Amino acid sequence: MRRLAVGSLAFVASLATITVLPVYASPSPEAVPVETDSVEVELGSVEDPAPAADVQEGTTDPVAGVPDTAPVLTVTETDVASFSLVGVTWAFDPAVTDVLVQVRVQEGDGDWGGWTEVAIEDAEQESGADVGTEVRGGTAPLWTGPSTGVEAELVTRSGAAPTDVQLTLIDPGTSDADTNLGDPEIQDTADAALAMPAIHSRAQWGADERLRTWDPEYAPTLRAATLHHTAETNDYTAAVVPEYLRGMYRYHAVTRGWGDIGYNVIVDKFGRLWEGRSGGLASTVVGAHAGGFNTGTFGVSIMGNYDTTGVPQAAIEAVVQVIAWKFSLYNVNPYGTTVMTSGGGSTARYTAGTRVTLPTVFGHRDSGLTACPGRYGYARLPEIRDRVAWVLANSLTPQITQRYDSDAGLRALLGAKTAYEQEAAGVTWQPYQGGALFFSPATGVKLVRGGVLTAYQRAGGPAVLGAPTAEERALPDGRGVVAEFQYGAVYWTPTTAGQVVKGAIRSHWNSLGGPTGALGYPVASEALARDGVGALTAFEGGTVMWSPATGPVVVRGGIRGSYEASGRETGPLGYPTTGEEALPGGAGVVQHFQRGDLYWTAARYGALLYGGIRTTWTALGGGTGPLGYPAGNEAGTADGVGRVQEFASGAIYWSPWTGAFPVRGGVRTAWAAEGAEAGPAGYPTTAEQPAGDGRGAVQQFERGSIHWSTTTGARLVRGAVRTLYLASGGPTGPLGYPTRGETDTAVRGGRVQQFEKGAIYWSAATGARVVRGDIGTAFDAAGGVTGVLGLPTAEATATGPGGTGRVQTFQGGSIYWTAADGAHVVRGAIGTVYTASGAAGGPLGFPTSGERSTANGSGAVQSFENGEIHWSAATGAHVLRGDIATAHRAAGGVSGVLGLPTSEATATGAGGTGRVQTFQGGSIYWTAADGAHVVRGGIGAAYSAAGGAGGRLGFPTGDETATSGGAEQRFQGGTITWTAGTGRTAVSYR
C-alpha cells in the first residue's frame, strides 16, 4: 500500500498546496472527449414574458403554498432535438431566494411523464472566482433520459421574482466507452497516504476539457468534507452515468457559469467514484459545491435524490473510502470540528464574514439553506464519521509497531500517538508525544525527535530530505547534535536550534571544518535563493551561497552584510565566485562576484563595484590607481539620470550615453562648482588628460571642457567660447589656460572669459572673439566692454604695408598695433575719416597715439605715422599731413591763427598742380615748387576775390610778412598788401 503525507507535521501543510497529478492506467476501449450540446429557450419574466412563454394562474399540478391565482411563468416545447437533462436558470440576483420550478418531459413515444419539482441549487461559484463567464442563478440539473418535449413552470412564492429566465435542454452526447469503461483509471496517486480508492477519471466519462473556462484555484489546506446529493432522479442505470455526468458538467460549467463541474468527486448509487472538478484529486482544489464554504472543503456528491429514498450501502462505503483517503492526506480528524469563515451568498446559511464552527464531516444543509444531502443522506453522517475513523486507525506499518512495542525505554520517551500513521515520498511515520518513528525499506525504523524533528518537518520532511539514515548523535565539541537523512543532515544546538545542511553546501562546509571550523554551526536551514536558481545556508561565521554556475562559496563578515543589503544574488552582484582575497599592502579585502566586486577597506566598510563604473575603475589601475579604493556605493546622480561612485581620490560618473569616466582633483572641484552633471558641462566624456604643454591637464564633458594648471586652477570653458578657444590652440595656444570662469559682461549682453594671455568675448550679435596682447591692454585701458569700444566684432588681423601691423575691430571702433608704436584706439569721427583714407594701408599709416584733446580744448586730435586727424563738433574730422601739417604747426596749430581744419586738402590751381586746405582762420596752399603757405585775413579775402590759386596771382610763394603800414604776401603772379589803419588791400600784378 502506497501512502501520502497526513498528520500534524508542519511540512504536511506545505504539501497541501502541491498538486499531485493522477497516475492513469491505459483504458480500454479508449475514452475520448464527448461533444455535448445545449439549447436555451427564453422565458423572460412574469412581468415581461418571452414570445415562446406564457403566464397562467397557478401551477398545473397543485403545489402546497402556491395559491391558485399566483402568476406562473410557463413554456412548452415539443418536437425538439433529443435531450437528456434540463435545468432552469435566471439572471443572478441575491434577492431571488424562494422560487419553485417543476418540469415534465415527453418521451419518444409521445407520452408525457409526471411533474417533477426541481430544487434550487445554491452551490454557486466561490466569491471572487474568475471563470470568464456570466454566473447565473438556477435549479439543479434534472436528468430526464432521452426526451423530445418539455414543459416547465416557474413561480415566485415570496420575495423578488427572477428575470431573464431560460430553460436549458442538454444533449450529453454518446460514446462507445460509456458501456465499456473498464477499470477505473485513477487507482493510485503519487505519494498517496491510504490506498486511494479506485476512481473513474474525467477522461473516462468523456469530459470535453474545452468547456472549462478557468484555471483551478487551490486552498492552503483541506479542513473538512461536505456531503451532497444531486437531488435528481434515482432511476438511472449504470450505463447512463457517464452521460449524466457530461450533462451535469455542461450545465455547471457553461449554463451556470461555474467554469467546471461543481463537486470534487461524484458517487453513483452503485458505489462507483467519479472524478469531478479538475485540478488534481489529491490537491486542495476549490470547488463550487457549498456556497460560502467552498475554500478548504472537499465536496462529495451522491447521484440521486435522498430526500425521498434511502442511500444504498455501496454508495455510503464509497463516500467513506474517498473521505478517509483525503483526510489521511491532510491529517483531518473525522470526529473533529473546524472554524470556517462564511463567504456569504444568496443561499448561504451565514452572512459573509461570519465565523462558523462545523464538524469536519458535515452536510450541505449545515452551511446552506437547502435540504441537501436529503434527510436520508444527512442521517448517515454519524456512520460515515465512524467508518472514516476506523479506516484511518487501521492503517499501520508493522516495522514501526514492532520497534515501539519491543522497546520500553523508547515507549517511555515517545509517549502516546498524536495522529494517524502517515506517509510521503515512500517514507512512513508515526507521530508520538515525544517524537516520531520513520520507516522506509531502505533505511529501516529511525527515531527523530526534539529540535531535529522540528527542523526536519520545517524543511519539508521526507519529500525533501528523504528518510532518516542515522539517529541523532552528539558531536565531539559538546555543543550540539546531528541526525543524518538520505539527502542531508540536521544540526542542532541550544543557541542555533535545528537547521538543515545538505548537498554541495554541506560538502563545502565540511571541507572547511564543519561545525568546528570558521563557519561554526548553521543558524538557518538551506533555503532556495531569491532568484529561484541557487541555494544558501547561513552559519554562525558566514553564509555559503551556491548556484549551478558558481558552486558553493563563503560570504562572511562585513562583506556579507553589504552583500545582503544589496539584494544578495538578486542585486547587482549575482553570486560570489571566489572567497575573500587580501588587497595589496594590507589595504583590506575584496570578494569577487558574477557581476562585480565587494571591497572592505578602511575608507569604506563594504563597497560594491559593478557595471561600467567597475570597468573604468579597473582600467585605471583599481585601488592602486589614481582614484584609490571605493569610499561609497554606486548611487543615482542628482539629475536622476546617471550613476556615481565615490573613491578615495575622486569619483566615477556614468550615464547611458557617455559611459563611465573619472572626475577628480581640481577639475572635479570646478565641475561641482558649476553644478556637476546637472550644470552646463553635463557628464564627462573622457578621463582627465595631459594638456600637451607639460603644465596642466584637460577633461572633456558633454558641453564643455575643464582646463587645469597649477598656477590657474581649473576652469570650465564651454559653448562658442570653447569652440574659439580650442580653434586657437587651447592651453598650448596664445591664450594659455583660463583664469576665470565665463561670466556676463557688465553691459551689452555678452559673455567673457579670461585667460592667462587674453580674453574671449561673446555675444549673440558679435559672436566669440579673442582679445589679447597689446590690443587687449589698449582695450582694457579704453574701458573694455563698458568703455567706448564695446565688444569685439572680429579677430585681430594683419594690416598695413606688408602686414606689419594688426587691427581688431570693436562695436565702437578699432585698435591698431605695430611693434614700433604699440596699440592705439581709433574711433568715432576720426576713425571714420581714418578708414576712409585707407586706414593703416593709406597715407596716414598706423596711429602713433590715442585720440586726445586739442591744445585749445576745442576739439580732438590723433596722431598717425604720416599725419594727424583733427576733429571738433563745429568742423568735423579732417586729415592733416605733409607740408600742410608742417605749415599748420608753424602757424601755431589749433591754438594759432588758423585753428582747426574745416576741410580735407584738395587739388587746386591751373591743372590742379597744387593743393589747398581750409581752416577756421584761413587756408594753407601748397605746391611742389613753393611749399606750403598760410593765406588768411584781409589778404586771404583779397586772394580769394582775385580767383585764388586759379587766378592771375597763382600760388603763394611765401607767408604773409609785416610792413611799416600793415602786411603783404607775395604770390606767383603778384603781391597783395594790407593797410592796418584802413584794412584795405591792394593787389599788384607782375
Foldseek 3Di string as FASTA:
>chain_A
DFAAFADDQQLLLQCQAPFFAFFFDQWPPFFAAFDKDKDKDWQFFLVDGDPQKDWDAADPPHDPLRDSRFTKIKGKDAQAPKFFKKWKWFADDLFQDAKWKWKWFAAPVGDIDDIDIFAWAFLWAEPPACQPAHAIGITQMAGHGITGMMMMMMGGSDTDTGGRMIMMTMHLGDDPLLQPLPWATRQQTANHRPRAHRAHELSSLNHDLVLARHDWDAASHAAAEAEFASQYALPDDSSCVSSVLSRQQCCCRPVRVNRGRAAQWEAELQLHIYGGGDDHSQHGTQGRRAAQPRGNYHYYYYYHQQQVDARHVSNLVSVLRNVLRNCNSHQYQQAAKDWDAGCAGSFFPDHGGDIDIDGRYAYSVVTGVDCTPHPNVRVCSVVSNVSSNVSQQPDDDVLQVVVCVVDPVVCVQFPAFDGGWTTGPQKIWTHGNFFIWIAHPVAGTETDGDLQSSQCSVVNHCVPQNAWRAYWDADPVRFWIWTHTNFWIWIAGPVQGIATDGDLRQVVCVVQPHLPGQQHAWNYYWDQQPVNFWIWTHGPFFIWTAGPVAGTETDGDLQRVLCVVQVNLPGQFHAWRYYWDADPPRQFIKTHGPFWIWTDGPLDHTETDGDLQNVQCVVQPHQPGPQHHWNHYWDADPVRAWIKTHGPFWIWIAGPVQTIETDGDLRVVQCVVQPNLPGQQHAWNYYWACLPPPFWIKTHGPFWIWTAGPVQGIETDGDLRRVVCVVQPHLPGQQHAWNYYWDADPDDGWIKTHGPFWIWIADPVQGIETQGDLRRVQCVVQVHLPGQFHAWRYYWAFDAVVSQKIKTHGPFFIWIAHPVQTIETQGDLRRVVCVVQVNLHHQQHHWNYYWDADPVRQWIKTHGPFWMWTAHPVQTIETDGDLRNVQCVVQVHLPGQFHAWNYYWAFDADVSQKIKTHGPFFIWIAHPVQTIETQGDLRRVVCVVQVHLHHQQHAWNYYWDADPQGIKTHGPFWIWGAGDVVRDIDTDGD
